[in-house]
Amino acid sequence: MSAARPNHDIDTAELLVDALEDSYVSTPGALMKIDVAAASHRGCVRLRNEDHYLVMRFRRSLENISTNLDCGSAQTNYDLTGYGLLVADGLGGRIGGEVASRTALTKLIELIIETPDWIMGFEDHDKVEAVLERMTERFFRIDQTLKQQADDDPSLSGMGTTLTAAATLGDDIIIGHIGDSRAYLYRGNVLKQLTRDHTVAQELIDAGLSGADPAARSMRHVLTAALGVLGTRTKPEVKRIQLRPHDQILLCTDGLTAMVDDTTIASALQTAESASAASQDLTSLALAAGGRDNVTVVVARFGGSV
């Protein structure tokens, strides 16, 4: 059942209007409709929102304006389009958490823009490996930037952030992740967590302790890895997943997952009429459950192949 939408001040990225509503992710051999939206709220307890998100579209295009080539010798238009989905959660209670999450996203944009050769398709194994390596290297560069920023400004000492990033290229998606924000895949009425929480609780669970055990529950917010934390440099989790028609991708901070269980999240994704409705429904569910932390969600829905 879709959640009611209270009059909360929800910062919503409505990317369904105008061109995006009719846009496609397109690569040779793949043409897929995408519906994307996001929402963020400071919650019912926190004084400020230390979460940041970004949804962006990138493309490489060529338009044939005039030619005397024979008909069929050159394509009229050539357009490769992808989408970037980013969620970052500044470490709660730390000075500069808001700065850290914002800097992580802006630095990633800078690194992408500086890349001289954009890879817009996975025609061979080498290109896949190159994209995965670039994602890893960009996480390392962001980590260095945050550490340098904190070193230059003592008021930011101790700041850090999670970062979960996804990039779609045709019917492929690349996930990069560090921290306890999450990426999920909703496919065929099944919700699957794509990322691993970098927390003490997860390590206890991996060692055989039940997730319901009080020891594990008390450690779920204690991070074992984050960007910008002095003295650590953890390799991010990076993976490639092939999308199918009607898949949904959810990126979110722990302000959602700490308040709303996976079954309820899956139900909200199933019943919502659009990505915008899903993002607001999920945010409303977290707030209704107490909203003890900032909550941010990004939802991408992929239509059938065209």
C-alpha atoms as a PDB file:
ATOM      1  CA  MET A   1       0.000   0.000   0.000  1.00  0.00           C
ATOM      2  CA  SER A   2       1.430   3.341  -1.027  1.00  0.00           C
ATOM      3  CA  ALA A   3       2.249   5.640   1.883  1.00  0.00           C
ATOM      4  CA  ALA A   4       0.331   8.868   2.405  1.00  0.00           C
ATOM      5  CA  ARG A   5       2.298  11.983   1.662  1.00  0.00           C
ATOM      6  CA  PRO A   6       2.374  14.361   4.640  1.00  0.00           C
ATOM      7  CA  ASN A   7       3.270  18.016   4.331  1.00  0.00           C
ATOM      8  CA  HIS A   8       6.969  17.567   5.034  1.00  0.00           C
ATOM      9  CA  ASP A   9       9.533  19.831   3.406  1.00  0.00           C
ATOM     10  CA  ILE A  10      10.896  17.242   0.979  1.00  0.00           C
ATOM     11  CA  ASP A  11      13.586  18.330  -1.474  1.00  0.00           C
ATOM     12  CA  THR A  12      12.506  16.404  -4.570  1.00  0.00           C
ATOM     13  CA  ALA A  13      14.379  16.051  -7.861  1.00  0.00           C
ATOM     14  CA  GLU A  14      11.561  15.839 -10.384  1.00  0.00           C
ATOM     15  CA  LEU A  15      13.419  14.596 -13.434  1.00  0.00           C
ATOM     16  CA  LEU A  16      10.300  13.284 -15.115  1.00  0.00           C
ATOM     17  CA  VAL A  17       9.175  16.548 -16.643  1.00  0.00           C
ATOM     18  CA  ASP A  18       9.690  17.729 -20.181  1.00  0.00           C
ATOM     19  CA  ALA A  19      12.511  16.000 -22.044  1.00  0.00           C
ATOM     20  CA  LEU A  20      13.474  13.415 -19.463  1.00  0.00           C
ATOM     21  CA  GLU A  21      10.027  11.892 -19.387  1.00  0.00           C
ATOM     22  CA  ASP A  22      10.479  10.824 -22.983  1.00  0.00           C
ATOM     23  CA  SER A  23      14.230  10.237 -22.925  1.00  0.00           C
ATOM     24  CA  TYR A  24      16.021   6.976 -23.398  1.00  0.00           C
ATOM     25  CA  VAL A  25      19.254   5.385 -22.309  1.00  0.00           C
ATOM     26  CA  SER A  26      20.659   4.295 -25.646  1.00  0.00           C
ATOM     27  CA  THR A  27      23.679   2.322 -26.758  1.00  0.00           C
ATOM     28  CA  PRO A  28      24.190   0.058 -29.729  1.00  0.00           C
ATOM     29  CA  GLY A  29      22.004  -2.989 -29.094  1.00  0.00           C
ATOM     30  CA  ALA A  30      20.160  -1.462 -26.148  1.00  0.00           C
ATOM     31  CA  LEU A  31      17.443   1.128 -25.896  1.00  0.00           C
ATOM     32  CA  MET A  32      15.773   1.507 -22.525  1.00  0.00           C
ATOM     33  CA  LYS A  33      13.402   4.046 -21.060  1.00  0.00           C
ATOM     34  CA  ILE A  34      14.341   5.527 -17.673  1.00  0.00           C
ATOM     35  CA  ASP A  35      12.267   7.310 -15.016  1.00  0.00           C
ATOM     36  CA  VAL A  36      14.344   8.908 -12.238  1.00  0.00           C
ATOM     37  CA  ALA A  37      13.540  10.913  -9.126  1.00  0.00           C
ATOM     38  CA  ALA A  38      14.996  11.615  -5.696  1.00  0.00           C
ATOM     39  CA  ALA A  39      14.017  13.012  -2.321  1.00  0.00           C
ATOM     40  CA  SER A  40      15.903  14.117   0.786  1.00  0.00           C
ATOM     41  CA  HIS A  41      14.769  15.228   4.262  1.00  0.00           C
ATOM     42  CA  ARG A  42      16.620  16.147   7.437  1.00  0.00           C
ATOM     43  CA  GLY A  43      14.333  13.876   9.433  1.00  0.00           C
ATOM     44  CA  CYS A  44      12.462  14.505  12.658  1.00  0.00           C
ATOM     45  CA  VAL A  45      15.476  14.710  15.002  1.00  0.00           C
ATOM     46  CA  ARG A  46      18.520  16.125  13.215  1.00  0.00           C
ATOM     47  CA  LEU A  47      18.967  19.898  13.087  1.00  0.00           C
ATOM     48  CA  ARG A  48      20.455  19.862   9.583  1.00  0.00           C
ATOM     49  CA  ASN A  49      20.654  17.594   6.580  1.00  0.00           C
ATOM     50  CA  GLU A  50      24.137  16.131   6.095  1.00  0.00           C
ATOM     51  CA  ASP A  51      22.995  13.975   3.163  1.00  0.00           C
ATOM     52  CA  HIS A  52      23.562  15.042  -0.412  1.00  0.00           C
ATOM     53  CA  TYR A  53      22.413  13.444  -3.651  1.00  0.00           C
ATOM     54  CA  LEU A  54      22.876  14.104  -7.338  1.00  0.00           C
ATOM     55  CA  VAL A  55      21.178  12.738 -10.425  1.00  0.00           C
ATOM     56  CA  MET A  56      22.820  13.665 -13.711  1.00  0.00           C
ATOM     57  CA  ARG A  57      22.540  12.827 -17.373  1.00  0.00           C
ATOM     58  CA  PHE A  58      25.578  12.573 -19.625  1.00  0.00           C
ATOM     59  CA  ARG A  59      25.783  11.992 -23.329  1.00  0.00           C
ATOM     60  CA  ARG A  60      27.878  11.884 -26.450  1.00  0.00           C
ATOM     61  CA  SER A  61      26.066  12.906 -29.589  1.00  0.00           C
ATOM     62  CA  LEU A  62      26.573  13.672 -33.254  1.00  0.00           C
ATOM     63  CA  GLU A  63      23.987  15.273 -35.524  1.00  0.00           C
ATOM     64  CA  ASN A  64      24.253  15.091 -39.298  1.00  0.00           C
ATOM     65  CA  ILE A  65      23.188  18.578 -40.423  1.00  0.00           C
ATOM     66  CA  SER A  66      24.119  18.473 -44.100  1.00  0.00           C
ATOM     67  CA  THR A  67      25.874  16.025 -46.438  1.00  0.00           C
ATOM     68  CA  ASN A  68      26.021  14.852 -50.026  1.00  0.00           C
ATOM     69  CA  LEU A  69      26.796  11.273 -48.998  1.00  0.00           C
ATOM     70  CA  ASP A  70      24.508   8.647 -50.417  1.00  0.00           C
ATOM     71  CA  CYS A  71      21.412   7.925 -48.360  1.00  0.00           C
ATOM     72  CA  GLY A  72      22.321   5.391 -45.694  1.00  0.00           C
ATOM     73  CA  SER A  73      26.051   6.123 -45.789  1.00  0.00           C
ATOM     74  CA  ALA A  74      25.905   8.128 -42.562  1.00  0.00           C
ATOM     75  CA  GLN A  75      23.531   8.080 -39.612  1.00  0.00           C
ATOM     76  CA  THR A  76      21.300  11.132 -39.256  1.00  0.00           C
ATOM     77  CA  ASN A  77      21.913  11.229 -35.515  1.00  0.00           C
ATOM     78  CA  TYR A  78      24.203   9.391 -33.122  1.00  0.00           C
ATOM     79  CA  ASP A  79      23.355   9.702 -29.438  1.00  0.00           C
ATOM     80  CA  LEU A  80      24.711   7.734 -26.471  1.00  0.00           C
ATOM     81  CA  THR A  81      23.143   8.671 -23.153  1.00  0.00           C
ATOM     82  CA  GLY A  82      23.783   7.563 -19.590  1.00  0.00           C
ATOM     83  CA  TYR A  83      22.747   8.580 -16.090  1.00  0.00           C
ATOM     84  CA  GLY A  84      24.686   9.059 -12.871  1.00  0.00           C
ATOM     85  CA  LEU A  85      23.035   8.493  -9.476  1.00  0.00           C
ATOM     86  CA  LEU A  86      24.909   9.577  -6.355  1.00  0.00           C
ATOM     87  CA  VAL A  87      24.120   9.483  -2.635  1.00  0.00           C
ATOM     88  CA  ALA A  88      26.466  10.602   0.165  1.00  0.00           C
ATOM     89  CA  ASP A  89      25.839  10.663   3.917  1.00  0.00           C
ATOM     90  CA  GLY A  90      28.110  12.883   6.020  1.00  0.00           C
ATOM     91  CA  LEU A  91      29.151  11.128   9.203  1.00  0.00           C
ATOM     92  CA  GLY A  92      26.424  11.929  11.717  1.00  0.00           C
ATOM     93  CA  GLY A  93      27.466  13.960  14.717  1.00  0.00           C
ATOM     94  CA  ARG A  94      30.847  14.840  13.217  1.00  0.00           C
ATOM     95  CA  ILE A  95      31.932  18.374  12.455  1.00  0.00           C
ATOM     96  CA  GLY A  96      31.877  18.897   8.732  1.00  0.00           C
ATOM     97  CA  GLY A  97      29.673  15.949   7.794  1.00  0.00           C
ATOM     98  CA  GLU A  98      27.645  18.204   5.538  1.00  0.00           C
ATOM     99  CA  VAL A  99      30.834  19.565   3.973  1.00  0.00           C
ATOM    100  CA  ALA A 100      32.225  16.060   3.428  1.00  0.00           C
ATOM    101  CA  SER A 101      29.156  14.693   1.627  1.00  0.00           C
ATOM    102  CA  ARG A 102      28.847  17.803  -0.554  1.00  0.00           C
ATOM    103  CA  THR A 103      32.556  17.767  -1.423  1.00  0.00           C
ATOM    104  CA  ALA A 104      32.430  14.071  -2.343  1.00  0.00           C
ATOM    105  CA  LEU A 105      29.805  14.738  -5.011  1.00  0.00           C
ATOM    106  CA  THR A 106      31.338  17.927  -6.388  1.00  0.00           C
ATOM    107  CA  LYS A 107      34.798  16.342  -6.550  1.00  0.00           C
ATOM    108  CA  LEU A 108      33.403  13.337  -8.412  1.00  0.00           C
ATOM    109  CA  ILE A 109      31.833  15.658 -10.985  1.00  0.00           C
ATOM    110  CA  GLU A 110      35.171  17.428 -11.393  1.00  0.00           C
ATOM    111  CA  LEU A 111      36.986  14.135 -11.943  1.00  0.00           C
ATOM    112  CA  ILE A 112      34.443  13.009 -14.527  1.00  0.00           C
ATOM    113  CA  ILE A 113      34.678  16.271 -16.460  1.00  0.00           C
ATOM    114  CA  GLU A 114      38.475  16.043 -16.453  1.00  0.00           C
ATOM    115  CA  THR A 115      38.457  12.560 -18.000  1.00  0.00           C
ATOM    116  CA  PRO A 116      39.592  13.028 -21.633  1.00  0.00           C
ATOM    117  CA  ASP A 117      38.087   9.838 -23.061  1.00  0.00           C
ATOM    118  CA  TRP A 118      34.627   8.944 -21.856  1.00  0.00           C
ATOM    119  CA  ILE A 119      33.729   5.275 -22.225  1.00  0.00           C
ATOM    120  CA  MET A 120      30.088   5.107 -23.279  1.00  0.00           C
ATOM    121  CA  GLY A 121      29.689   1.397 -23.919  1.00  0.00           C
ATOM    122  CA  PHE A 122      31.020  -2.017 -22.933  1.00  0.00           C
ATOM    123  CA  GLU A 123      31.819  -3.558 -26.294  1.00  0.00           C
ATOM    124  CA  ASP A 124      34.752  -5.543 -24.870  1.00  0.00           C
ATOM    125  CA  HIS A 125      36.286  -6.707 -21.594  1.00  0.00           C
ATOM    126  CA  ASP A 126      38.983  -4.018 -21.614  1.00  0.00           C
ATOM    127  CA  LYS A 127      36.393  -1.240 -21.542  1.00  0.00           C
ATOM    128  CA  VAL A 128      34.574  -2.864 -18.630  1.00  0.00           C
ATOM    129  CA  GLU A 129      37.809  -3.146 -16.673  1.00  0.00           C
ATOM    130  CA  ALA A 130      38.738   0.449 -17.488  1.00  0.00           C
ATOM    131  CA  VAL A 131      35.418   1.779 -16.140  1.00  0.00           C
ATOM    132  CA  LEU A 132      35.706  -0.269 -12.952  1.00  0.00           C
ATOM    133  CA  GLU A 133      39.277   0.927 -12.426  1.00  0.00           C
ATOM    134  CA  ARG A 134      38.245   4.541 -12.994  1.00  0.00           C
ATOM    135  CA  MET A 135      35.462   4.255 -10.445  1.00  0.00           C
ATOM    136  CA  THR A 136      37.930   2.894  -7.882  1.00  0.00           C
ATOM    137  CA  GLU A 137      40.496   5.586  -8.609  1.00  0.00           C
ATOM    138  CA  ARG A 138      37.893   8.336  -8.320  1.00  0.00           C
ATOM    139  CA  PHE A 139      36.926   7.114  -4.857  1.00  0.00           C
ATOM    140  CA  PHE A 140      40.599   7.248  -3.853  1.00  0.00           C
ATOM    141  CA  ARG A 141      40.925  10.792  -5.230  1.00  0.00           C
ATOM    142  CA  ILE A 142      37.842  11.936  -3.312  1.00  0.00           C
ATOM    143  CA  ASP A 143      39.272  10.392  -0.152  1.00  0.00           C
ATOM    144  CA  GLN A 144      42.524  12.317  -0.656  1.00  0.00           C
ATOM    145  CA  THR A 145      40.653  15.576  -1.263  1.00  0.00           C
ATOM    146  CA  LEU A 146      38.620  15.228   1.930  1.00  0.00           C
ATOM    147  CA  LYS A 147      41.683  14.403   4.014  1.00  0.00           C
ATOM    148  CA  GLN A 148      43.554  17.389   2.608  1.00  0.00           C
ATOM    149  CA  GLN A 149      40.568  19.652   3.265  1.00  0.00           C
ATOM    150  CA  ALA A 150      40.411  18.525   6.892  1.00  0.00           C
ATOM    151  CA  ASP A 151      44.167  18.974   7.253  1.00  0.00           C
ATOM    152  CA  ASP A 152      43.915  22.541   5.952  1.00  0.00           C
ATOM    153  CA  ASP A 153      40.951  23.448   8.169  1.00  0.00           C
ATOM    154  CA  PRO A 154      41.081  22.120  11.761  1.00  0.00           C
ATOM    155  CA  SER A 155      37.363  22.831  12.212  1.00  0.00           C
ATOM    156  CA  LEU A 156      36.699  19.999   9.745  1.00  0.00           C
ATOM    157  CA  SER A 157      38.850  17.477  11.574  1.00  0.00           C
ATOM    158  CA  GLY A 158      37.154  14.092  11.810  1.00  0.00           C
ATOM    159  CA  MET A 159      34.763  14.639   8.941  1.00  0.00           C
ATOM    160  CA  GLY A 160      33.917  11.832   6.563  1.00  0.00           C
ATOM    161  CA  THR A 161      31.190  10.536   4.302  1.00  0.00           C
ATOM    162  CA  THR A 162      29.700   7.466   2.739  1.00  0.00           C
ATOM    163  CA  LEU A 163      29.361   7.397  -1.035  1.00  0.00           C
ATOM    164  CA  THR A 164      27.210   5.157  -3.179  1.00  0.00           C
ATOM    165  CA  ALA A 165      27.351   5.865  -6.902  1.00  0.00           C
ATOM    166  CA  ALA A 166      25.714   4.252  -9.916  1.00  0.00           C
ATOM    167  CA  ALA A 167      26.259   4.941 -13.607  1.00  0.00           C
ATOM    168  CA  THR A 168      23.982   3.538 -16.305  1.00  0.00           C
ATOM    169  CA  LEU A 169      25.277   2.837 -19.791  1.00  0.00           C
ATOM    170  CA  GLY A 170      22.639   1.239 -21.959  1.00  0.00           C
ATOM    171  CA  ASP A 171      21.521  -1.920 -20.206  1.00  0.00           C
ATOM    172  CA  ASP A 172      24.528  -1.957 -17.870  1.00  0.00           C
ATOM    173  CA  ILE A 173      24.991  -0.261 -14.534  1.00  0.00           C
ATOM    174  CA  ILE A 174      28.240   0.269 -12.624  1.00  0.00           C
ATOM    175  CA  ILE A 175      28.027   0.513  -8.822  1.00  0.00           C
ATOM    176  CA  GLY A 176      30.708   2.084  -6.608  1.00  0.00           C
ATOM    177  CA  HIS A 177      30.272   2.042  -2.844  1.00  0.00           C
ATOM    178  CA  ILE A 178      31.834   2.702   0.535  1.00  0.00           C
ATOM    179  CA  GLY A 179      30.096   3.100   3.904  1.00  0.00           C
ATOM    180  CA  ASP A 180      26.596   2.146   5.023  1.00  0.00           C
ATOM    181  CA  SER A 181      24.447   3.857   2.427  1.00  0.00           C
ATOM    182  CA  ARG A 182      23.052   1.229   0.083  1.00  0.00           C
ATOM    183  CA  ALA A 183      22.175   0.314  -3.484  1.00  0.00           C
ATOM    184  CA  TYR A 184      19.311  -2.093  -4.142  1.00  0.00           C
ATOM    185  CA  LEU A 185      17.985  -3.855  -7.217  1.00  0.00           C
ATOM    186  CA  TYR A 186      14.238  -4.519  -7.350  1.00  0.00           C
ATOM    187  CA  ARG A 187      13.517  -7.168  -9.975  1.00  0.00           C
ATOM    188  CA  GLY A 188      10.595  -9.528 -10.342  1.00  0.00           C
ATOM    189  CA  ASN A 189       9.072  -8.513  -6.990  1.00  0.00           C
ATOM    190  CA  VAL A 190      12.353  -9.337  -5.217  1.00  0.00           C
ATOM    191  CA  LEU A 191      14.501  -6.688  -3.497  1.00  0.00           C
ATOM    192  CA  LYS A 192      18.227  -7.466  -3.502  1.00  0.00           C
ATOM    193  CA  GLN A 193      20.882  -5.434  -1.700  1.00  0.00           C
ATOM    194  CA  LEU A 194      23.727  -4.831  -4.147  1.00  0.00           C
ATOM    195  CA  THR A 195      26.192  -3.295  -1.695  1.00  0.00           C
ATOM    196  CA  ARG A 196      27.738  -4.509   1.532  1.00  0.00           C
ATOM    197  CA  ASP A 197      27.527  -2.359   4.656  1.00  0.00           C
ATOM    198  CA  HIS A 198      30.950  -1.312   5.904  1.00  0.00           C
ATOM    199  CA  THR A 199      29.973  -1.528   9.578  1.00  0.00           C
ATOM    200  CA  VAL A 200      31.017  -3.418  12.698  1.00  0.00           C
ATOM    201  CA  ALA A 201      27.539  -4.971  12.707  1.00  0.00           C
ATOM    202  CA  GLN A 202      28.095  -6.453   9.252  1.00  0.00           C
ATOM    203  CA  GLU A 203      31.447  -7.886  10.326  1.00  0.00           C
ATOM    204  CA  LEU A 204      29.763  -9.526  13.336  1.00  0.00           C
ATOM    205  CA  ILE A 205      27.081 -10.954  11.042  1.00  0.00           C
ATOM    206  CA  ASP A 206      29.769 -12.248   8.666  1.00  0.00           C
ATOM    207  CA  ALA A 207      31.380 -13.952  11.678  1.00  0.00           C
ATOM    208  CA  GLY A 208      28.131 -15.803  12.357  1.00  0.00           C
ATOM    209  CA  LEU A 209      26.228 -13.540  14.723  1.00  0.00           C
ATOM    210  CA  SER A 210      22.532 -13.008  14.003  1.00  0.00           C
ATOM    211  CA  GLY A 211      21.563  -9.599  12.709  1.00  0.00           C
ATOM    212  CA  ALA A 212      18.915  -9.483  15.443  1.00  0.00           C
ATOM    213  CA  ASP A 213      21.503 -10.016  18.200  1.00  0.00           C
ATOM    214  CA  PRO A 214      21.751  -6.958  20.504  1.00  0.00           C
ATOM    215  CA  ALA A 215      25.517  -6.769  19.923  1.00  0.00           C
ATOM    216  CA  ALA A 216      25.060  -6.563  16.160  1.00  0.00           C
ATOM    217  CA  ARG A 217      22.150  -4.141  16.407  1.00  0.00           C
ATOM    218  CA  SER A 218      24.138  -1.783  18.633  1.00  0.00           C
ATOM    219  CA  MET A 219      27.007  -1.693  16.107  1.00  0.00           C
ATOM    220  CA  ARG A 220      25.000  -1.074  12.936  1.00  0.00           C
ATOM    221  CA  HIS A 221      25.961   2.606  12.808  1.00  0.00           C
ATOM    222  CA  VAL A 222      29.664   2.098  13.595  1.00  0.00           C
ATOM    223  CA  LEU A 223      31.458   2.362  10.265  1.00  0.00           C
ATOM    224  CA  THR A 224      34.544   0.372   9.350  1.00  0.00           C
ATOM    225  CA  ALA A 225      35.125   2.383   6.161  1.00  0.00           C
ATOM    226  CA  ALA A 226      34.259   5.855   4.888  1.00  0.00           C
ATOM    227  CA  LEU A 227      35.807   8.521   2.693  1.00  0.00           C
ATOM    228  CA  GLY A 228      37.935  11.163   4.362  1.00  0.00           C
ATOM    229  CA  VAL A 229      38.605   9.322   7.614  1.00  0.00           C
ATOM    230  CA  LEU A 230      42.226   9.882   8.584  1.00  0.00           C
ATOM    231  CA  GLY A 231      44.483   6.867   8.740  1.00  0.00           C
ATOM    232  CA  THR A 232      42.344   4.661   6.510  1.00  0.00           C
ATOM    233  CA  ARG A 233      42.078   4.031   2.794  1.00  0.00           C
ATOM    234  CA  THR A 234      39.639   1.286   1.977  1.00  0.00           C
ATOM    235  CA  LYS A 235      39.171   0.042  -1.565  1.00  0.00           C
ATOM    236  CA  PRO A 236      35.581   0.721  -2.608  1.00  0.00           C
ATOM    237  CA  GLU A 237      33.214  -2.018  -3.631  1.00  0.00           C
ATOM    238  CA  VAL A 238      32.836  -1.759  -7.415  1.00  0.00           C
ATOM    239  CA  LYS A 239      30.724  -3.996  -9.640  1.00  0.00           C
ATOM    240  CA  ARG A 240      28.921  -4.213 -12.957  1.00  0.00           C
ATOM    241  CA  ILE A 241      25.321  -5.436 -13.261  1.00  0.00           C
ATOM    242  CA  GLN A 242      23.249  -5.984 -16.380  1.00  0.00           C
ATOM    243  CA  LEU A 243      19.809  -4.427 -16.247  1.00  0.00           C
ATOM    244  CA  ARG A 244      16.585  -5.945 -17.491  1.00  0.00           C
ATOM    245  CA  PRO A 245      13.367  -4.243 -18.557  1.00  0.00           C
ATOM    246  CA  HIS A 246      11.257  -3.177 -15.564  1.00  0.00           C
ATOM    247  CA  ASP A 247      14.179  -3.263 -13.109  1.00  0.00           C
ATOM    248  CA  GLN A 248      14.308  -0.606 -10.409  1.00  0.00           C
ATOM    249  CA  ILE A 249      17.470   0.717  -8.765  1.00  0.00           C
ATOM    250  CA  LEU A 250      17.291   2.324  -5.325  1.00  0.00           C
ATOM    251  CA  LEU A 251      20.138   4.274  -3.738  1.00  0.00           C
ATOM    252  CA  CYS A 252      19.566   5.425  -0.164  1.00  0.00           C
ATOM    253  CA  THR A 253      21.194   6.507   3.067  1.00  0.00           C
ATOM    254  CA  ASP A 254      20.754   4.609   6.314  1.00  0.00           C
ATOM    255  CA  GLY A 255      18.109   7.120   7.350  1.00  0.00           C
ATOM    256  CA  LEU A 256      15.784   4.930   5.289  1.00  0.00           C
ATOM    257  CA  THR A 257      17.129   1.452   5.990  1.00  0.00           C
ATOM    258  CA  ALA A 258      17.416   1.974   9.756  1.00  0.00           C
ATOM    259  CA  MET A 259      13.728   2.909   9.920  1.00  0.00           C
ATOM    260  CA  VAL A 260      12.082   0.826   7.192  1.00  0.00           C
ATOM    261  CA  ASP A 261      12.595  -2.913   6.617  1.00  0.00           C
ATOM    262  CA  ASP A 262      13.315  -4.447   3.228  1.00  0.00           C
ATOM    263  CA  THR A 263       9.832  -5.944   2.890  1.00  0.00           C
ATOM    264  CA  THR A 264       8.218  -2.533   3.261  1.00  0.00           C
ATOM    265  CA  ILE A 265      10.725  -0.951   0.879  1.00  0.00           C
ATOM    266  CA  ALA A 266       9.930  -3.604  -1.735  1.00  0.00           C
ATOM    267  CA  SER A 267       6.198  -3.020  -1.309  1.00  0.00           C
ATOM    268  CA  ALA A 268       6.629   0.737  -1.804  1.00  0.00           C
ATOM    269  CA  LEU A 269       8.636   0.212  -4.991  1.00  0.00           C
ATOM    270  CA  GLN A 270       6.062  -2.246  -6.289  1.00  0.00           C
ATOM    271  CA  THR A 271       2.993  -0.102  -5.698  1.00  0.00           C
ATOM    272  CA  ALA A 272       4.266   3.389  -6.550  1.00  0.00           C
ATOM    273  CA  GLU A 273       3.129   4.694  -9.917  1.00  0.00           C
ATOM    274  CA  SER A 274       6.385   6.479 -10.727  1.00  0.00           C
ATOM    275  CA  ALA A 275       9.921   7.023  -9.503  1.00  0.00           C
ATOM    276  CA  SER A 276       8.826  10.354  -8.027  1.00  0.00           C
ATOM    277  CA  ALA A 277       5.995   8.690  -6.102  1.00  0.00           C
ATOM    278  CA  ALA A 278       8.324   5.914  -4.913  1.00  0.00           C
ATOM    279  CA  SER A 279      10.962   8.359  -3.640  1.00  0.00           C
ATOM    280  CA  GLN A 280       8.391  10.377  -1.718  1.00  0.00           C
ATOM    281  CA  ASP A 281       6.620   7.267  -0.378  1.00  0.00           C
ATOM    282  CA  LEU A 282       9.888   5.852   0.958  1.00  0.00           C
ATOM    283  CA  THR A 283      10.844   9.157   2.561  1.00  0.00           C
ATOM    284  CA  SER A 284       7.399   9.415   4.166  1.00  0.00           C
ATOM    285  CA  LEU A 285       7.716   5.880   5.546  1.00  0.00           C
ATOM    286  CA  ALA A 286      11.049   6.740   7.199  1.00  0.00           C
ATOM    287  CA  LEU A 287       9.591   9.911   8.711  1.00  0.00           C
ATOM    288  CA  ALA A 288       6.477   8.110   9.933  1.00  0.00           C
ATOM    289  CA  ALA A 289       8.699   5.541  11.660  1.00  0.00           C
ATOM    290  CA  GLY A 290      10.425   8.288  13.634  1.00  0.00           C
ATOM    291  CA  GLY A 291      12.860   9.860  11.179  1.00  0.00           C
ATOM    292  CA  ARG A 292      15.786   9.611  13.580  1.00  0.00           C
ATOM    293  CA  ASP A 293      18.309  10.468  10.876  1.00  0.00           C
ATOM    294  CA  ASN A 294      18.524  12.335   7.592  1.00  0.00           C
ATOM    295  CA  VAL A 295      16.890  10.291   4.863  1.00  0.00           C
ATOM    296  CA  THR A 296      17.737  10.384   1.166  1.00  0.00           C
ATOM    297  CA  VAL A 297      16.516   8.146  -1.644  1.00  0.00           C
ATOM    298  CA  VAL A 298      17.145   8.019  -5.386  1.00  0.00           C
ATOM    299  CA  VAL A 299      14.930   5.745  -7.486  1.00  0.00           C
ATOM    300  CA  ALA A 300      15.504   4.817 -11.127  1.00  0.00           C
ATOM    301  CA  ARG A 301      12.978   2.731 -13.051  1.00  0.00           C
ATOM    302  CA  PHE A 302      13.902   1.141 -16.342  1.00  0.00           C
ATOM    303  CA  GLY A 303      11.239   0.578 -18.955  1.00  0.00           C
ATOM    304  CA  GLY A 304      11.089  -2.099 -21.586  1.00  0.00           C
ATOM    305  CA  SER A 305      13.463  -2.179 -24.527  1.00  0.00           C
ATOM    306  CA  VAL A 306      12.304  -0.176 -27.502  1.00  0.00           C
END
